[in-house]
PDB file of N, CA and C in Angstrom:
ATOM      1  N   MET A   1       0.745  -1.217   0.256  1.00  0.00           N
ATOM      2  CA  MET A   1       0.563  -0.293  -0.129  1.00  0.00           C
ATOM      3  C   MET A   1       1.182   1.504  -0.261  1.00  0.00           C
ATOM      4  N   SER A   2       0.453   1.608  -0.855  1.00  0.00           N
ATOM      5  CA  SER A   2       1.326   4.001  -1.033  1.00  0.00           C
ATOM      6  C   SER A   2       0.736   4.479  -0.247  1.00  0.00           C
ATOM      7  N   ILE A   3       1.820   5.883  -0.279  1.00  0.00           N
ATOM      8  CA  ILE A   3       0.886   6.167   1.137  1.00  0.00           C
ATOM      9  C   ILE A   3       1.443   7.502   0.187  1.00  0.00           C
ATOM     10  N   ARG A   4       0.697   9.002   0.419  1.00  0.00           N
ATOM     11  CA  ARG A   4       1.108  10.059  -0.771  1.00  0.00           C
ATOM     12  C   ARG A   4       1.428  11.057   0.668  1.00  0.00           C
ATOM     13  N   VAL A   5       2.673  12.163   0.663  1.00  0.00           N
ATOM     14  CA  VAL A   5       2.107  12.102   1.725  1.00  0.00           C
ATOM     15  C   VAL A   5       2.877  14.104   1.023  1.00  0.00           C
ATOM     16  N   ASN A   6       2.131  15.294   1.434  1.00  0.00           N
ATOM     17  CA  ASN A   6       2.624  16.304   0.918  1.00  0.00           C
ATOM     18  C   ASN A   6       3.526  17.224   1.526  1.00  0.00           C
ATOM     19  N   ILE A   7       4.487  17.617   1.025  1.00  0.00           N
ATOM     20  CA  ILE A   7       6.062  18.197   1.890  1.00  0.00           C
ATOM     21  C   ILE A   7       5.871  19.031   2.728  1.00  0.00           C
ATOM     22  N   THR A   8       4.860  20.117   2.583  1.00  0.00           N
ATOM     23  CA  THR A   8       4.406  20.803   3.436  1.00  0.00           C
ATOM     24  C   THR A   8       3.453  19.946   4.801  1.00  0.00           C
ATOM     25  N   GLU A   9       3.273  18.206   5.049  1.00  0.00           N
ATOM     26  CA  GLU A   9       2.895  18.408   6.081  1.00  0.00           C
ATOM     27  C   GLU A   9       4.318  17.256   6.537  1.00  0.00           C
ATOM     28  N   TRP A  10       5.291  18.052   7.661  1.00  0.00           N
ATOM     29  CA  TRP A  10       6.746  18.110   7.731  1.00  0.00           C
ATOM     30  C   TRP A  10       6.448  16.666   8.380  1.00  0.00           C
ATOM     31  N   ASP A  11       5.546  16.622   9.724  1.00  0.00           N
ATOM     32  CA  ASP A  11       5.668  15.048  10.585  1.00  0.00           C
ATOM     33  C   ASP A  11       5.296  14.418   9.661  1.00  0.00           C
ATOM     34  N   ALA A  12       4.439  14.326   9.565  1.00  0.00           N
ATOM     35  CA  ALA A  12       4.343  13.024   8.325  1.00  0.00           C
ATOM     36  C   ALA A  12       5.066  12.625   7.723  1.00  0.00           C
ATOM     37  N   VAL A  13       5.740  13.393   6.918  1.00  0.00           N
ATOM     38  CA  VAL A  13       6.643  13.303   5.677  1.00  0.00           C
ATOM     39  C   VAL A  13       7.864  12.484   6.830  1.00  0.00           C
ATOM     40  N   VAL A  14       8.338  12.668   8.281  1.00  0.00           N
ATOM     41  CA  VAL A  14       9.569  12.592   8.389  1.00  0.00           C
ATOM     42  C   VAL A  14       8.988  11.073   9.311  1.00  0.00           C
ATOM     43  N   ASP A  15       8.047  10.872   9.728  1.00  0.00           N
ATOM     44  CA  ASP A  15       7.289   9.420  10.377  1.00  0.00           C
ATOM     45  C   ASP A  15       7.516   8.226   9.246  1.00  0.00           C
ATOM     46  N   GLU A  16       6.591   8.603   7.633  1.00  0.00           N
ATOM     47  CA  GLU A  16       6.814   7.939   6.813  1.00  0.00           C
ATOM     48  C   GLU A  16       8.768   8.057   6.506  1.00  0.00           C
ATOM     49  N   LEU A  17       8.742   9.036   6.696  1.00  0.00           N
ATOM     50  CA  LEU A  17      10.748   8.114   5.809  1.00  0.00           C
ATOM     51  C   LEU A  17      11.342   7.563   6.926  1.00  0.00           C
ATOM     52  N   ARG A  18      10.942   7.621   8.645  1.00  0.00           N
ATOM     53  CA  ARG A  18      11.828   6.844   9.452  1.00  0.00           C
ATOM     54  C   ARG A  18      11.374   4.891   9.081  1.00  0.00           C
ATOM     55  N   GLN A  19       9.898   5.004   8.792  1.00  0.00           N
ATOM     56  CA  GLN A  19       9.819   3.771   8.633  1.00  0.00           C
ATOM     57  C   GLN A  19      10.273   3.363   7.534  1.00  0.00           C
ATOM     58  N   PHE A  20      10.462   3.724   6.319  1.00  0.00           N
ATOM     59  CA  PHE A  20      11.036   3.555   5.173  1.00  0.00           C
ATOM     60  C   PHE A  20      12.815   2.461   5.296  1.00  0.00           C
ATOM     61  N   GLY A  21      13.061   4.261   6.080  1.00  0.00           N
ATOM     62  CA  GLY A  21      14.326   3.249   6.002  1.00  0.00           C
ATOM     63  C   GLY A  21      14.892   3.282   7.733  1.00  0.00           C
ATOM     64  N   SER A  22      13.942   2.257   7.830  1.00  0.00           N
ATOM     65  CA  SER A  22      14.437   1.528   9.310  1.00  0.00           C
ATOM     66  C   SER A  22      15.287   0.697   9.472  1.00  0.00           C
ATOM     67  N   SER A  23      15.256  -0.130   7.853  1.00  0.00           N
ATOM     68  CA  SER A  23      16.604  -0.940   7.866  1.00  0.00           C
ATOM     69  C   SER A  23      17.964  -0.610   7.150  1.00  0.00           C
ATOM     70  N   GLY A  24      18.245   0.608   7.621  1.00  0.00           N
ATOM     71  CA  GLY A  24      19.120   1.801   7.836  1.00  0.00           C
ATOM     72  C   GLY A  24      19.253   1.912   8.637  1.00  0.00           C
ATOM     73  N   ASP A  25      19.740   3.188   8.178  1.00  0.00           N
ATOM     74  CA  ASP A  25      20.682   4.638   9.513  1.00  0.00           C
ATOM     75  C   ASP A  25      19.473   5.372   9.391  1.00  0.00           C
ATOM     76  N   VAL A  26      18.546   6.162  10.173  1.00  0.00           N
ATOM     77  CA  VAL A  26      18.290   7.225  10.346  1.00  0.00           C
ATOM     78  C   VAL A  26      18.329   8.519  10.839  1.00  0.00           C
ATOM     79  N   THR A  27      18.718   9.384   9.917  1.00  0.00           N
ATOM     80  CA  THR A  27      19.460  10.481  11.016  1.00  0.00           C
ATOM     81  C   THR A  27      17.797  11.795  10.265  1.00  0.00           C
ATOM     82  N   THR A  28      18.022  12.572  11.735  1.00  0.00           N
ATOM     83  CA  THR A  28      16.699  13.804  11.373  1.00  0.00           C
ATOM     84  C   THR A  28      17.636  14.864  12.089  1.00  0.00           C
ATOM     85  N   ASP A  29      17.357  16.272  11.656  1.00  0.00           N
ATOM     86  CA  ASP A  29      16.990  17.237  12.334  1.00  0.00           C
ATOM     87  C   ASP A  29      15.845  17.838  12.426  1.00  0.00           C
ATOM     88  N   ASP A  30      15.731  19.680  13.082  1.00  0.00           N
ATOM     89  CA  ASP A  30      14.626  19.803  12.418  1.00  0.00           C
ATOM     90  C   ASP A  30      14.577  20.519  11.201  1.00  0.00           C
ATOM     91  N   GLY A  31      15.383  20.601  10.566  1.00  0.00           N
ATOM     92  CA  GLY A  31      14.976  20.810   8.481  1.00  0.00           C
ATOM     93  C   GLY A  31      15.013  19.646   7.876  1.00  0.00           C
ATOM     94  N   TRP A  32      15.639  18.783   7.501  1.00  0.00           N
ATOM     95  CA  TRP A  32      15.552  17.973   7.301  1.00  0.00           C
ATOM     96  C   TRP A  32      16.331  16.097   7.312  1.00  0.00           C
ATOM     97  N   VAL A  33      16.148  14.694   6.965  1.00  0.00           N
ATOM     98  CA  VAL A  33      16.407  13.430   7.233  1.00  0.00           C
ATOM     99  C   VAL A  33      16.660  13.151   5.597  1.00  0.00           C
ATOM    100  N   ARG A  34      17.742  12.132   7.303  1.00  0.00           N
ATOM    101  CA  ARG A  34      18.505  11.630   5.723  1.00  0.00           C
ATOM    102  C   ARG A  34      18.617  10.409   6.517  1.00  0.00           C
ATOM    103  N   LEU A  35      18.604   9.016   5.447  1.00  0.00           N
ATOM    104  CA  LEU A  35      17.480   7.663   5.506  1.00  0.00           C
ATOM    105  C   LEU A  35      19.689   6.983   3.980  1.00  0.00           C
ATOM    106  N   ASP A  36      20.355   6.819   4.853  1.00  0.00           N
ATOM    107  CA  ASP A  36      22.043   5.751   5.233  1.00  0.00           C
ATOM    108  C   ASP A  36      21.529   4.220   4.908  1.00  0.00           C
ATOM    109  N   PHE A  37      21.161   3.656   3.205  1.00  0.00           N
ATOM    110  CA  PHE A  37      21.253   2.490   2.949  1.00  0.00           C
ATOM    111  C   PHE A  37      22.402   1.697   2.700  1.00  0.00           C
ATOM    112  N   GLY A  38      23.665   1.927   3.667  1.00  0.00           N
ATOM    113  CA  GLY A  38      25.282   1.581   2.980  1.00  0.00           C
ATOM    114  C   GLY A  38      25.793   2.618   2.121  1.00  0.00           C
ATOM    115  N   SER A  39      25.704   1.218   0.547  1.00  0.00           N
ATOM    116  CA  SER A  39      25.942   1.819  -0.506  1.00  0.00           C
ATOM    117  C   SER A  39      25.096   3.315  -1.098  1.00  0.00           C
ATOM    118  N   ALA A  40      23.845   3.507  -0.689  1.00  0.00           N
ATOM    119  CA  ALA A  40      22.660   4.426  -1.230  1.00  0.00           C
ATOM    120  C   ALA A  40      21.921   5.528   0.040  1.00  0.00           C
ATOM    121  N   TYR A  41      22.039   6.459  -0.656  1.00  0.00           N
ATOM    122  CA  TYR A  41      21.546   7.115   0.316  1.00  0.00           C
ATOM    123  C   TYR A  41      19.671   8.582  -0.189  1.00  0.00           C
ATOM    124  N   VAL A  42      18.977   8.947   0.698  1.00  0.00           N
ATOM    125  CA  VAL A  42      17.668   9.658   0.495  1.00  0.00           C
ATOM    126  C   VAL A  42      18.038  10.457   0.745  1.00  0.00           C
ATOM    127  N   GLU A  43      18.306  12.216   1.345  1.00  0.00           N
ATOM    128  CA  GLU A  43      18.520  12.717   2.295  1.00  0.00           C
ATOM    129  C   GLU A  43      17.138  13.684   1.930  1.00  0.00           C
ATOM    130  N   LEU A  44      16.203  14.173   2.281  1.00  0.00           N
ATOM    131  CA  LEU A  44      15.904  15.646   1.706  1.00  0.00           C
ATOM    132  C   LEU A  44      15.788  16.707   3.129  1.00  0.00           C
ATOM    133  N   SER A  45      14.697  17.897   2.226  1.00  0.00           N
ATOM    134  CA  SER A  45      14.634  18.703   3.372  1.00  0.00           C
ATOM    135  C   SER A  45      12.905  19.183   3.178  1.00  0.00           C
ATOM    136  N   ARG A  46      12.765  20.204   4.263  1.00  0.00           N
ATOM    137  CA  ARG A  46      11.702  20.381   4.601  1.00  0.00           C
ATOM    138  C   ARG A  46      11.214  21.608   3.371  1.00  0.00           C
ATOM    139  N   GLU A  47      11.973  22.126   3.344  1.00  0.00           N
ATOM    140  CA  GLU A  47      12.365  23.479   1.935  1.00  0.00           C
ATOM    141  C   GLU A  47      12.203  22.849   0.758  1.00  0.00           C
ATOM    142  N   GLY A  48      11.464  20.826   0.130  1.00  0.00           N
ATOM    143  CA  GLY A  48      11.944  20.379  -0.680  1.00  0.00           C
ATOM    144  C   GLY A  48      12.929  20.412  -1.677  1.00  0.00           C
ATOM    145  N   TRP A  49      13.743  20.321  -1.378  1.00  0.00           N
ATOM    146  CA  TRP A  49      14.917  19.264  -1.002  1.00  0.00           C
ATOM    147  C   TRP A  49      15.278  18.261  -1.541  1.00  0.00           C
ATOM    148  N   ILE A  50      15.362  17.742  -3.045  1.00  0.00           N
ATOM    149  CA  ILE A  50      15.699  15.416  -2.473  1.00  0.00           C
ATOM    150  C   ILE A  50      17.281  15.791  -3.424  1.00  0.00           C
ATOM    151  N   SER A  51      18.144  14.608  -2.062  1.00  0.00           N
ATOM    152  CA  SER A  51      18.987  14.522  -2.753  1.00  0.00           C
ATOM    153  C   SER A  51      19.099  12.586  -1.980  1.00  0.00           C
ATOM    154  N   THR A  52      19.049  12.121  -4.181  1.00  0.00           N
ATOM    155  CA  THR A  52      19.190  11.363  -3.322  1.00  0.00           C
ATOM    156  C   THR A  52      20.900   9.953  -4.433  1.00  0.00           C
ATOM    157  N   GLY A  53      21.022   8.674  -3.177  1.00  0.00           N
ATOM    158  CA  GLY A  53      22.467   8.539  -4.300  1.00  0.00           C
ATOM    159  C   GLY A  53      22.783   7.458  -3.608  1.00  0.00           C
ATOM    160  N   MET A  54      23.261   6.609  -4.857  1.00  0.00           N
ATOM    161  CA  MET A  54      23.333   4.927  -5.322  1.00  0.00           C
ATOM    162  C   MET A  54      24.481   4.320  -6.302  1.00  0.00           C
ATOM    163  N   PRO A  55      24.998   3.416  -6.220  1.00  0.00           N
ATOM    164  CA  PRO A  55      26.378   3.501  -7.054  1.00  0.00           C
ATOM    165  C   PRO A  55      25.737   3.529  -8.841  1.00  0.00           C
ATOM    166  N   LEU A  56      26.865   4.114  -9.555  1.00  0.00           N
ATOM    167  CA  LEU A  56      26.225   5.060 -10.476  1.00  0.00           C
ATOM    168  C   LEU A  56      24.454   5.486 -10.831  1.00  0.00           C
ATOM    169  N   HIS A  57      24.500   6.206 -10.114  1.00  0.00           N
ATOM    170  CA  HIS A  57      23.706   7.474 -10.389  1.00  0.00           C
ATOM    171  C   HIS A  57      23.042   8.177  -9.298  1.00  0.00           C
ATOM    172  N   GLU A  58      22.997   9.389  -9.340  1.00  0.00           N
ATOM    173  CA  GLU A  58      22.905  10.386  -8.206  1.00  0.00           C
ATOM    174  C   GLU A  58      21.496  11.083  -8.769  1.00  0.00           C
ATOM    175  N   PHE A  59      20.775  12.054  -7.537  1.00  0.00           N
ATOM    176  CA  PHE A  59      19.390  12.124  -8.298  1.00  0.00           C
ATOM    177  C   PHE A  59      19.914  13.827  -7.718  1.00  0.00           C
ATOM    178  N   GLU A  60      19.407  14.763  -7.522  1.00  0.00           N
ATOM    179  CA  GLU A  60      18.635  16.312  -6.789  1.00  0.00           C
ATOM    180  C   GLU A  60      18.065  16.756  -7.460  1.00  0.00           C
ATOM    181  N   GLN A  61      16.723  16.996  -7.052  1.00  0.00           N
ATOM    182  CA  GLN A  61      15.719  18.190  -6.870  1.00  0.00           C
ATOM    183  C   GLN A  61      15.558  18.947  -6.274  1.00  0.00           C
ATOM    184  N   ASP A  62      15.210  20.192  -6.507  1.00  0.00           N
ATOM    185  CA  ASP A  62      14.906  21.682  -5.465  1.00  0.00           C
ATOM    186  C   ASP A  62      13.406  21.111  -6.727  1.00  0.00           C
ATOM    187  N   GLY A  63      12.205  22.254  -5.289  1.00  0.00           N
ATOM    188  CA  GLY A  63      11.015  21.887  -5.552  1.00  0.00           C
ATOM    189  C   GLY A  63      10.453  21.416  -5.340  1.00  0.00           C
ATOM    190  N   LEU A  64      10.317  20.097  -4.749  1.00  0.00           N
ATOM    191  CA  LEU A  64       9.954  18.295  -4.289  1.00  0.00           C
ATOM    192  C   LEU A  64       7.517  19.601  -3.804  1.00  0.00           C
ATOM    193  N   THR A  65       6.943  18.523  -4.309  1.00  0.00           N
ATOM    194  CA  THR A  65       5.994  18.953  -3.556  1.00  0.00           C
ATOM    195  C   THR A  65       4.967  17.461  -2.538  1.00  0.00           C
ATOM    196  N   GLU A  66       5.150  16.520  -3.476  1.00  0.00           N
ATOM    197  CA  GLU A  66       4.897  15.666  -2.186  1.00  0.00           C
ATOM    198  C   GLU A  66       5.914  14.159  -2.170  1.00  0.00           C
ATOM    199  N   LEU A  67       5.518  13.327  -2.084  1.00  0.00           N
ATOM    200  CA  LEU A  67       5.797  12.564  -1.669  1.00  0.00           C
ATOM    201  C   LEU A  67       5.445  10.494  -2.020  1.00  0.00           C
ATOM    202  N   THR A  68       5.269  10.087  -2.690  1.00  0.00           N
ATOM    203  CA  THR A  68       4.267   8.541  -2.652  1.00  0.00           C
ATOM    204  C   THR A  68       5.428   7.685  -1.851  1.00  0.00           C
ATOM    205  N   VAL A  69       5.483   6.971  -0.443  1.00  0.00           N
ATOM    206  CA  VAL A  69       6.306   6.121  -0.261  1.00  0.00           C
ATOM    207  C   VAL A  69       5.366   4.561   0.112  1.00  0.00           C
ATOM    208  N   ASP A  70       6.072   3.827  -0.499  1.00  0.00           N
ATOM    209  CA  ASP A  70       5.471   2.093  -0.408  1.00  0.00           C
ATOM    210  C   ASP A  70       6.328   1.419  -0.317  1.00  0.00           C
ATOM    211  N   HIS A  71       6.157   1.173   1.854  1.00  0.00           N
ATOM    212  CA  HIS A  71       6.812   0.782   2.161  1.00  0.00           C
ATOM    213  C   HIS A  71       7.034  -0.901   1.884  1.00  0.00           C
ATOM    214  N   GLY A  72       5.987  -1.595   0.947  1.00  0.00           N
ATOM    215  CA  GLY A  72       5.863  -3.044   1.213  1.00  0.00           C
ATOM    216  C   GLY A  72       7.226  -3.525   0.068  1.00  0.00           C
ATOM    217  N   GLY A  73       6.634  -2.457  -1.481  1.00  0.00           N
ATOM    218  CA  GLY A  73       7.213  -2.673  -2.558  1.00  0.00           C
ATOM    219  C   GLY A  73       8.959  -2.092  -2.402  1.00  0.00           C
ATOM    220  N   GLY A  74       9.307  -1.138  -0.823  1.00  0.00           N
ATOM    221  CA  GLY A  74      10.302  -0.471  -1.212  1.00  0.00           C
ATOM    222  C   GLY A  74      10.526   0.782  -2.092  1.00  0.00           C
ATOM    223  N   SER A  75       9.709   1.477  -2.481  1.00  0.00           N
ATOM    224  CA  SER A  75       9.951   2.644  -3.006  1.00  0.00           C
ATOM    225  C   SER A  75       9.777   3.867  -2.823  1.00  0.00           C
ATOM    226  N   LEU A  76      10.407   4.771  -2.377  1.00  0.00           N
ATOM    227  CA  LEU A  76       9.592   6.151  -2.283  1.00  0.00           C
ATOM    228  C   LEU A  76       9.893   7.011  -3.770  1.00  0.00           C
ATOM    229  N   THR A  77       8.443   7.501  -3.984  1.00  0.00           N
ATOM    230  CA  THR A  77       8.371   8.305  -5.624  1.00  0.00           C
ATOM    231  C   THR A  77       7.959   9.795  -4.670  1.00  0.00           C
ATOM    232  N   VAL A  78       9.148  10.829  -5.562  1.00  0.00           N
ATOM    233  CA  VAL A  78       8.879  12.112  -5.669  1.00  0.00           C
ATOM    234  C   VAL A  78       8.704  12.693  -6.620  1.00  0.00           C
ATOM    235  N   GLU A  79       7.543  14.076  -6.266  1.00  0.00           N
ATOM    236  CA  GLU A  79       7.509  14.502  -7.723  1.00  0.00           C
ATOM    237  C   GLU A  79       7.834  15.750  -7.301  1.00  0.00           C
ATOM    238  N   ALA A  80       8.362  16.769  -8.791  1.00  0.00           N
ATOM    239  CA  ALA A  80       7.825  17.880  -8.390  1.00  0.00           C
ATOM    240  C   ALA A  80       7.401  18.862  -9.439  1.00  0.00           C
ATOM    241  N   ALA A  81       6.903  19.700  -9.654  1.00  0.00           N
ATOM    242  CA  ALA A  81       6.901  20.146 -11.004  1.00  0.00           C
ATOM    243  C   ALA A  81       6.382  19.515 -11.963  1.00  0.00           C
ATOM    244  N   ASP A  82       7.779  19.555 -12.863  1.00  0.00           N
ATOM    245  CA  ASP A  82       7.933  18.536 -13.949  1.00  0.00           C
ATOM    246  C   ASP A  82       8.860  17.609 -14.051  1.00  0.00           C
ATOM    247  N   THR A  83       8.694  16.494 -13.007  1.00  0.00           N
ATOM    248  CA  THR A  83       9.843  15.379 -12.347  1.00  0.00           C
ATOM    249  C   THR A  83       9.008  14.714 -12.000  1.00  0.00           C
ATOM    250  N   SER A  84       9.469  13.671 -11.892  1.00  0.00           N
ATOM    251  CA  SER A  84       9.347  12.286 -11.368  1.00  0.00           C
ATOM    252  C   SER A  84       9.977  11.603 -10.490  1.00  0.00           C
ATOM    253  N   TYR A  85      10.195  10.607 -10.045  1.00  0.00           N
ATOM    254  CA  TYR A  85      11.638   9.740  -9.536  1.00  0.00           C
ATOM    255  C   TYR A  85      11.194   9.398  -8.551  1.00  0.00           C
ATOM    256  N   THR A  86      11.869   7.718  -9.156  1.00  0.00           N
ATOM    257  CA  THR A  86      11.577   6.498  -7.973  1.00  0.00           C
ATOM    258  C   THR A  86      12.776   6.130  -7.473  1.00  0.00           C
ATOM    259  N   PHE A  87      13.107   5.746  -5.990  1.00  0.00           N
ATOM    260  CA  PHE A  87      13.851   5.240  -5.366  1.00  0.00           C
ATOM    261  C   PHE A  87      13.754   3.718  -4.734  1.00  0.00           C
ATOM    262  N   ARG A  88      14.518   3.418  -5.121  1.00  0.00           N
ATOM    263  CA  ARG A  88      14.087   2.176  -5.202  1.00  0.00           C
ATOM    264  C   ARG A  88      14.678   1.396  -3.186  1.00  0.00           C
ATOM    265  N   ARG A  89      14.496   0.631  -1.957  1.00  0.00           N
ATOM    266  CA  ARG A  89      15.325   0.435  -1.354  1.00  0.00           C
ATOM    267  C   ARG A  89      16.061  -0.344  -1.946  1.00  0.00           C
ATOM    268  N   PRO A  90      16.897  -0.634  -1.700  1.00  0.00           N
ATOM    269  CA  PRO A  90      18.308  -1.467  -1.529  1.00  0.00           C
ATOM    270  C   PRO A  90      17.424  -2.708  -1.152  1.00  0.00           C
ATOM    271  N   GLY A  91      17.823  -4.226  -1.360  1.00  0.00           N
ATOM    272  CA  GLY A  91      17.285  -5.236  -0.250  1.00  0.00           C
ATOM    273  C   GLY A  91      15.503  -5.061   0.105  1.00  0.00           C
ATOM    274  N   GLY A  92      14.605  -3.624  -0.494  1.00  0.00           N
ATOM    275  CA  GLY A  92      13.537  -3.760  -1.462  1.00  0.00           C
ATOM    276  C   GLY A  92      13.109  -3.529   0.162  1.00  0.00           C
TER     277      GLY A  92
END
């Protein structure tokens, strides 16, 4: 089941990302959250900036408006004005 969260609902964003990142290391501060999965990571700010990386590619985008988290499927999809990007959690 996928859960869609608007970036303006920051507490809900952090809660969903903590659950999504539970198989790795989750670090939070007042304005950002970072998930580390060994060689892959996701970092997201309250202002709508996201950066992801894993071997062979990286992604960075500003202007994020919402994200969709699929805990069971191991994916995180972010939406910005003209961009959609899906990060797949290593190991599912």
